[in-house]
């Protein structure tokens, strides 16, 4: 069974930093060739992409509005992917989710992969940025 667990969420003041970790189980034998994504959802709002990383070569994509404040990294030995967020703002508040995309015929149709290419996701971690 594939499971994704996000950790590291919490309450932080504006300007602070937070590091979220996504721990993935059930895909250990495939972990070196996955795309792990992060997205967030604020209360009453649509889902927003944050970014993603390809575990084979650490190729990363970050959504334009978060570039410079967000870094995604992978630790293939631990089957984890981390999301480092700096200079946090109240508008960064929301539930942060990680999701997983497995390759189709060895690769992905798009970069970054389309949302429909992600097969599994976690239950999310709450991030609250206070004024």
Foldseek 3Di string as FASTA:
>chain_A
DKAWDKDFADEAAQQAKTKIKIAIPPCLVPLLAKKKFKWWDAPPDDIGGAWIAGNNVRDIDGPPVQPPFWDWDDDSVRRMIMIMGGSDDQVVWGWMKMFMAGADVRHAPDVVHDPVRTDDMHPTGTHGYHD
